[in-house]
Structures are given as C-alpha cells and as structure tokens.
N, C-alpha and C. Protein backbone atom coordinates (compact mmCIF):
# COMPACT_ATOMS: atom_id res chain seq x y z
N MET A 1 103.58 136.99 112.74
CA MET A 1 104.93 137.38 112.39
C MET A 1 104.85 138.39 111.24
N LEU A 2 105.41 139.55 111.48
CA LEU A 2 105.50 140.58 110.44
C LEU A 2 106.72 140.26 109.58
N ILE A 3 106.52 140.14 108.28
CA ILE A 3 107.62 139.90 107.36
C ILE A 3 107.58 141.01 106.31
N ALA A 4 108.70 141.74 106.20
CA ALA A 4 108.76 142.87 105.28
C ALA A 4 110.05 142.80 104.46
N THR A 5 109.95 143.22 103.21
CA THR A 5 111.14 143.29 102.38
C THR A 5 111.88 144.61 102.57
N THR A 6 111.29 145.51 103.33
CA THR A 6 111.90 146.80 103.62
C THR A 6 112.81 146.70 104.84
N ASN A 7 113.68 147.69 105.01
CA ASN A 7 114.60 147.69 106.15
C ASN A 7 113.95 148.16 107.44
N ASP A 8 112.79 148.77 107.32
CA ASP A 8 112.03 149.17 108.50
C ASP A 8 110.57 148.80 108.24
N ALA A 9 109.73 149.07 109.21
CA ALA A 9 108.32 148.75 109.08
C ALA A 9 107.51 149.97 109.50
N PRO A 10 107.04 150.74 108.54
CA PRO A 10 106.25 151.93 108.88
C PRO A 10 105.10 151.56 109.82
N GLY A 11 104.94 152.38 110.86
CA GLY A 11 103.92 152.11 111.86
C GLY A 11 104.40 151.25 113.01
N TYR A 12 105.67 150.83 112.94
CA TYR A 12 106.25 150.00 114.00
C TYR A 12 107.56 150.61 114.46
N VAL A 13 107.91 150.35 115.70
CA VAL A 13 109.18 150.78 116.27
C VAL A 13 110.03 149.52 116.45
N ILE A 14 111.25 149.56 115.94
CA ILE A 14 112.16 148.43 116.12
C ILE A 14 112.76 148.52 117.52
N GLU A 15 112.37 147.61 118.37
CA GLU A 15 112.85 147.61 119.76
C GLU A 15 114.21 146.94 119.88
N GLU A 16 114.41 145.86 119.09
CA GLU A 16 115.67 145.12 119.18
C GLU A 16 115.90 144.36 117.87
N VAL A 17 117.12 144.40 117.40
CA VAL A 17 117.54 143.60 116.24
C VAL A 17 118.18 142.34 116.79
N LEU A 18 117.71 141.18 116.32
CA LEU A 18 118.14 139.90 116.89
C LEU A 18 119.08 139.10 115.98
N GLY A 19 119.33 139.61 114.81
CA GLY A 19 120.30 138.95 113.92
C GLY A 19 119.66 138.27 112.72
N GLU A 20 120.53 137.72 111.89
CA GLU A 20 120.09 137.07 110.66
C GLU A 20 119.38 135.76 110.93
N VAL A 21 118.35 135.52 110.13
CA VAL A 21 117.64 134.24 110.17
C VAL A 21 117.41 133.79 108.73
N PHE A 22 117.26 132.49 108.57
CA PHE A 22 116.97 131.98 107.23
C PHE A 22 116.15 130.71 107.31
N GLY A 23 115.52 130.39 106.22
CA GLY A 23 114.83 129.12 106.03
C GLY A 23 115.31 128.56 104.71
N LEU A 24 115.52 127.26 104.65
CA LEU A 24 116.17 126.66 103.50
C LEU A 24 115.47 125.36 103.12
N THR A 25 115.42 125.09 101.82
CA THR A 25 114.99 123.78 101.34
C THR A 25 115.80 123.46 100.09
N VAL A 26 116.01 122.18 99.87
CA VAL A 26 116.64 121.71 98.64
C VAL A 26 115.66 120.74 98.01
N ARG A 27 115.31 121.00 96.77
CA ARG A 27 114.33 120.19 96.06
C ARG A 27 115.00 119.49 94.88
N SER A 28 114.63 118.23 94.68
CA SER A 28 115.11 117.52 93.51
C SER A 28 114.11 117.69 92.38
N ARG A 29 114.59 117.54 91.18
CA ARG A 29 113.71 117.68 90.03
C ARG A 29 113.00 116.36 89.77
N ASN A 30 111.72 116.47 89.46
CA ASN A 30 110.91 115.31 89.12
C ASN A 30 111.05 115.09 87.61
N ALA A 31 111.51 113.91 87.20
CA ALA A 31 111.77 113.64 85.78
C ALA A 31 110.52 113.80 84.93
N VAL A 32 109.37 113.35 85.44
CA VAL A 32 108.12 113.46 84.69
C VAL A 32 107.73 114.92 84.51
N SER A 33 107.84 115.70 85.58
CA SER A 33 107.53 117.14 85.50
C SER A 33 108.48 117.84 84.55
N GLN A 34 109.75 117.44 84.57
CA GLN A 34 110.73 118.05 83.68
C GLN A 34 110.40 117.78 82.22
N MET A 35 109.99 116.55 81.92
CA MET A 35 109.61 116.21 80.54
C MET A 35 108.39 117.02 80.11
N GLY A 36 107.40 117.09 81.00
CA GLY A 36 106.19 117.88 80.71
C GLY A 36 106.52 119.34 80.51
N ALA A 37 107.42 119.85 81.32
CA ALA A 37 107.83 121.25 81.21
C ALA A 37 108.56 121.47 79.89
N GLY A 38 109.40 120.51 79.50
CA GLY A 38 110.11 120.62 78.24
C GLY A 38 109.17 120.67 77.06
N LEU A 39 108.14 119.83 77.08
CA LEU A 39 107.14 119.83 76.01
C LEU A 39 106.37 121.13 76.01
N LYS A 40 105.98 121.59 77.20
CA LYS A 40 105.20 122.83 77.31
C LYS A 40 106.01 124.02 76.82
N SER A 41 107.33 123.99 77.04
CA SER A 41 108.14 125.12 76.62
C SER A 41 108.20 125.23 75.10
N ILE A 42 108.01 124.13 74.41
CA ILE A 42 107.96 124.16 72.95
C ILE A 42 106.68 124.85 72.49
N ILE A 43 105.58 124.51 73.13
CA ILE A 43 104.27 125.06 72.78
C ILE A 43 104.09 126.47 73.31
N GLY A 44 104.61 126.72 74.49
CA GLY A 44 104.46 128.01 75.15
C GLY A 44 103.39 127.95 76.22
N GLY A 45 103.42 128.91 77.12
CA GLY A 45 102.43 128.99 78.19
C GLY A 45 103.05 128.75 79.56
N GLU A 46 102.23 128.92 80.56
CA GLU A 46 102.68 128.76 81.95
C GLU A 46 102.89 127.30 82.28
N LEU A 47 103.93 127.03 83.02
CA LEU A 47 104.21 125.69 83.52
C LEU A 47 103.59 125.59 84.91
N LYS A 48 102.30 125.26 84.94
CA LYS A 48 101.54 125.34 86.20
C LYS A 48 102.08 124.44 87.29
N GLY A 49 102.51 123.25 86.94
CA GLY A 49 103.08 122.35 87.95
C GLY A 49 104.35 122.91 88.56
N MET A 50 105.20 123.49 87.71
CA MET A 50 106.45 124.08 88.18
C MET A 50 106.16 125.34 89.01
N THR A 51 105.19 126.12 88.58
CA THR A 51 104.80 127.33 89.31
C THR A 51 104.31 126.95 90.71
N LYS A 52 103.46 125.93 90.80
CA LYS A 52 102.92 125.48 92.09
C LYS A 52 104.04 124.96 92.99
N ASN A 53 104.98 124.23 92.41
CA ASN A 53 106.10 123.70 93.19
C ASN A 53 106.95 124.84 93.75
N LEU A 54 107.22 125.86 92.94
CA LEU A 54 108.00 127.00 93.42
C LEU A 54 107.24 127.77 94.49
N GLU A 55 105.93 127.94 94.29
CA GLU A 55 105.11 128.63 95.29
C GLU A 55 105.15 127.88 96.62
N ASN A 56 105.00 126.56 96.58
CA ASN A 56 105.04 125.75 97.81
C ASN A 56 106.42 125.82 98.47
N SER A 57 107.47 125.79 97.66
CA SER A 57 108.84 125.85 98.19
C SER A 57 109.09 127.19 98.87
N ARG A 58 108.66 128.27 98.23
CA ARG A 58 108.86 129.60 98.83
C ARG A 58 108.09 129.74 100.14
N GLN A 59 106.88 129.20 100.19
CA GLN A 59 106.11 129.28 101.43
C GLN A 59 106.79 128.47 102.53
N ALA A 60 107.34 127.32 102.17
CA ALA A 60 108.04 126.47 103.16
C ALA A 60 109.24 127.20 103.75
N VAL A 61 110.03 127.88 102.91
CA VAL A 61 111.22 128.56 103.45
C VAL A 61 110.84 129.80 104.24
N ILE A 62 109.76 130.47 103.86
CA ILE A 62 109.28 131.60 104.67
C ILE A 62 108.86 131.10 106.05
N ASP A 63 108.13 129.99 106.09
CA ASP A 63 107.69 129.43 107.37
C ASP A 63 108.88 129.06 108.24
N ARG A 64 109.89 128.45 107.64
CA ARG A 64 111.09 128.07 108.41
C ARG A 64 111.85 129.29 108.91
N MET A 65 111.92 130.33 108.08
CA MET A 65 112.58 131.56 108.48
C MET A 65 111.83 132.20 109.66
N ALA A 66 110.50 132.23 109.58
CA ALA A 66 109.68 132.80 110.65
C ALA A 66 109.86 132.01 111.95
N GLU A 67 109.95 130.69 111.85
CA GLU A 67 110.20 129.86 113.04
C GLU A 67 111.56 130.20 113.66
N ALA A 68 112.56 130.42 112.82
CA ALA A 68 113.89 130.77 113.33
C ALA A 68 113.86 132.13 114.03
N ALA A 69 113.11 133.08 113.45
CA ALA A 69 112.99 134.40 114.08
C ALA A 69 112.28 134.29 115.43
N SER A 70 111.23 133.51 115.45
CA SER A 70 110.48 133.31 116.70
C SER A 70 111.36 132.65 117.76
N ALA A 71 112.18 131.69 117.36
CA ALA A 71 113.08 131.00 118.30
C ALA A 71 114.09 131.96 118.92
N LYS A 72 114.40 133.05 118.22
CA LYS A 72 115.32 134.08 118.76
C LYS A 72 114.57 135.12 119.58
N GLY A 73 113.24 135.00 119.68
CA GLY A 73 112.45 135.96 120.43
C GLY A 73 111.89 137.08 119.58
N GLY A 74 111.97 136.93 118.26
CA GLY A 74 111.48 137.98 117.38
C GLY A 74 110.02 137.83 117.01
N ASN A 75 109.43 138.93 116.60
CA ASN A 75 108.06 138.92 116.08
C ASN A 75 108.00 139.55 114.69
N ALA A 76 109.19 139.74 114.09
CA ALA A 76 109.26 140.33 112.75
C ALA A 76 110.55 139.89 112.05
N VAL A 77 110.49 139.88 110.72
CA VAL A 77 111.68 139.70 109.90
C VAL A 77 111.70 140.87 108.92
N LEU A 78 112.80 141.61 108.96
CA LEU A 78 112.96 142.77 108.08
C LEU A 78 113.97 142.46 106.98
N ALA A 79 113.89 143.20 105.89
CA ALA A 79 114.80 143.06 104.76
C ALA A 79 114.81 141.62 104.22
N MET A 80 113.63 140.99 104.17
CA MET A 80 113.52 139.61 103.71
C MET A 80 113.82 139.52 102.22
N ARG A 81 114.57 138.48 101.84
CA ARG A 81 114.93 138.23 100.45
C ARG A 81 114.84 136.74 100.18
N PHE A 82 114.74 136.40 98.89
CA PHE A 82 114.84 135.02 98.43
C PHE A 82 116.14 134.85 97.68
N ASP A 83 116.67 133.65 97.73
CA ASP A 83 117.83 133.30 96.93
C ASP A 83 117.63 131.88 96.44
N THR A 84 118.01 131.62 95.21
CA THR A 84 117.93 130.27 94.67
C THR A 84 119.23 129.96 93.95
N SER A 85 119.58 128.68 93.94
CA SER A 85 120.75 128.25 93.19
C SER A 85 120.58 126.78 92.83
N GLU A 86 121.22 126.40 91.74
CA GLU A 86 121.22 125.00 91.33
C GLU A 86 122.41 124.30 91.92
N MET A 87 122.20 123.04 92.26
CA MET A 87 123.26 122.23 92.83
C MET A 87 123.39 120.97 91.97
N GLY A 88 124.46 120.88 91.22
CA GLY A 88 124.72 119.70 90.42
C GLY A 88 123.76 119.51 89.26
N GLY A 89 122.99 120.51 88.91
CA GLY A 89 122.05 120.39 87.81
C GLY A 89 120.85 119.52 88.10
N VAL A 90 120.76 118.99 89.32
CA VAL A 90 119.67 118.08 89.68
C VAL A 90 118.82 118.64 90.82
N TRP A 91 119.44 119.42 91.70
CA TRP A 91 118.74 119.96 92.86
C TRP A 91 118.69 121.47 92.79
N THR A 92 117.66 122.01 93.39
CA THR A 92 117.53 123.46 93.50
C THR A 92 117.43 123.83 94.96
N GLU A 93 118.28 124.75 95.39
CA GLU A 93 118.24 125.27 96.76
C GLU A 93 117.40 126.55 96.73
N ILE A 94 116.49 126.67 97.67
CA ILE A 94 115.68 127.87 97.81
C ILE A 94 115.83 128.35 99.25
N CYS A 95 116.15 129.62 99.40
CA CYS A 95 116.41 130.18 100.73
C CYS A 95 115.66 131.50 100.89
N ALA A 96 115.05 131.70 102.03
CA ALA A 96 114.50 132.99 102.43
C ALA A 96 115.35 133.45 103.61
N TYR A 97 115.77 134.71 103.60
CA TYR A 97 116.59 135.20 104.70
C TYR A 97 116.26 136.65 104.99
N GLY A 98 116.58 137.06 106.20
CA GLY A 98 116.32 138.43 106.61
C GLY A 98 116.87 138.66 108.01
N THR A 99 116.44 139.77 108.60
CA THR A 99 116.89 140.16 109.93
C THR A 99 115.74 140.02 110.92
N ALA A 100 115.94 139.17 111.91
CA ALA A 100 114.94 139.00 112.96
C ALA A 100 114.95 140.23 113.87
N ALA A 101 113.78 140.66 114.26
CA ALA A 101 113.67 141.83 115.14
C ALA A 101 112.47 141.69 116.05
N ARG A 102 112.51 142.46 117.12
CA ARG A 102 111.34 142.59 117.99
C ARG A 102 110.80 144.00 117.74
N VAL A 103 109.56 144.07 117.32
CA VAL A 103 108.95 145.36 116.99
C VAL A 103 107.67 145.55 117.80
N THR A 104 107.30 146.81 118.00
CA THR A 104 106.03 147.15 118.62
C THR A 104 105.32 148.16 117.74
N LYS A 105 104.01 148.15 117.82
CA LYS A 105 103.19 149.08 117.05
C LYS A 105 103.47 150.49 117.57
N ALA A 106 103.71 151.42 116.66
CA ALA A 106 103.94 152.81 117.05
C ALA A 106 102.62 153.42 117.53
N GLY A 107 102.72 154.28 118.44
CA GLY A 107 101.46 154.90 118.86
C GLY A 107 101.55 155.72 120.03
C-alpha cells in the first residue's frame, strides 16, 4: 500500500479516486505512566514510554486506514494526515485519514 502525504504520487498515475478512508483508535491514559511522565517533565528529557505509545498508536491507525483503503479496492492513500484530540481529559483519540485511490506505476 502506497501511503503519501502529498495529493499526488510522482511516478504513479491515479487511475481512480475511491473516497475518504480513516483509521481510528482511542487510548486511555495509564496512571503509572502519567505519574512517571509528570516526574520526568520536572527533570526534563524524552518521555520514552509516552513516545513509544504514540508511535504504536500511529502505526495502528495507519494500518487500519490502509485496510479500509484496500477494502474499497485501493492500493494507495493520498493526502494522508493525522489528527488527535482529547476526550474528557482521560482518553486520547488518534486518527489517520486520507483519500483512497487506485494507482499504477507510470511508464
């Protein structure tokens, strides 16, 4: 699956646009991680546990978005973006979205 943040894909021809697709997850905050992050923020430095959690969450929503594109018959997602929002101060929604398309290699 070709995933691009651009509106087109150099070297490819867009054969068909199949519509919007997205992948979504909602994660709750881990109290222990939050306390550790709070302490680390006083000292400074990277919050490695939080970084890893965000990395895993983003990969999960990309995978779900790609599955949605594939289910529509696509082999690419163009104009891919991430969006995040807090829900109730306890949960975080993470979404990847874009335009599913069928593309072929130019040549």
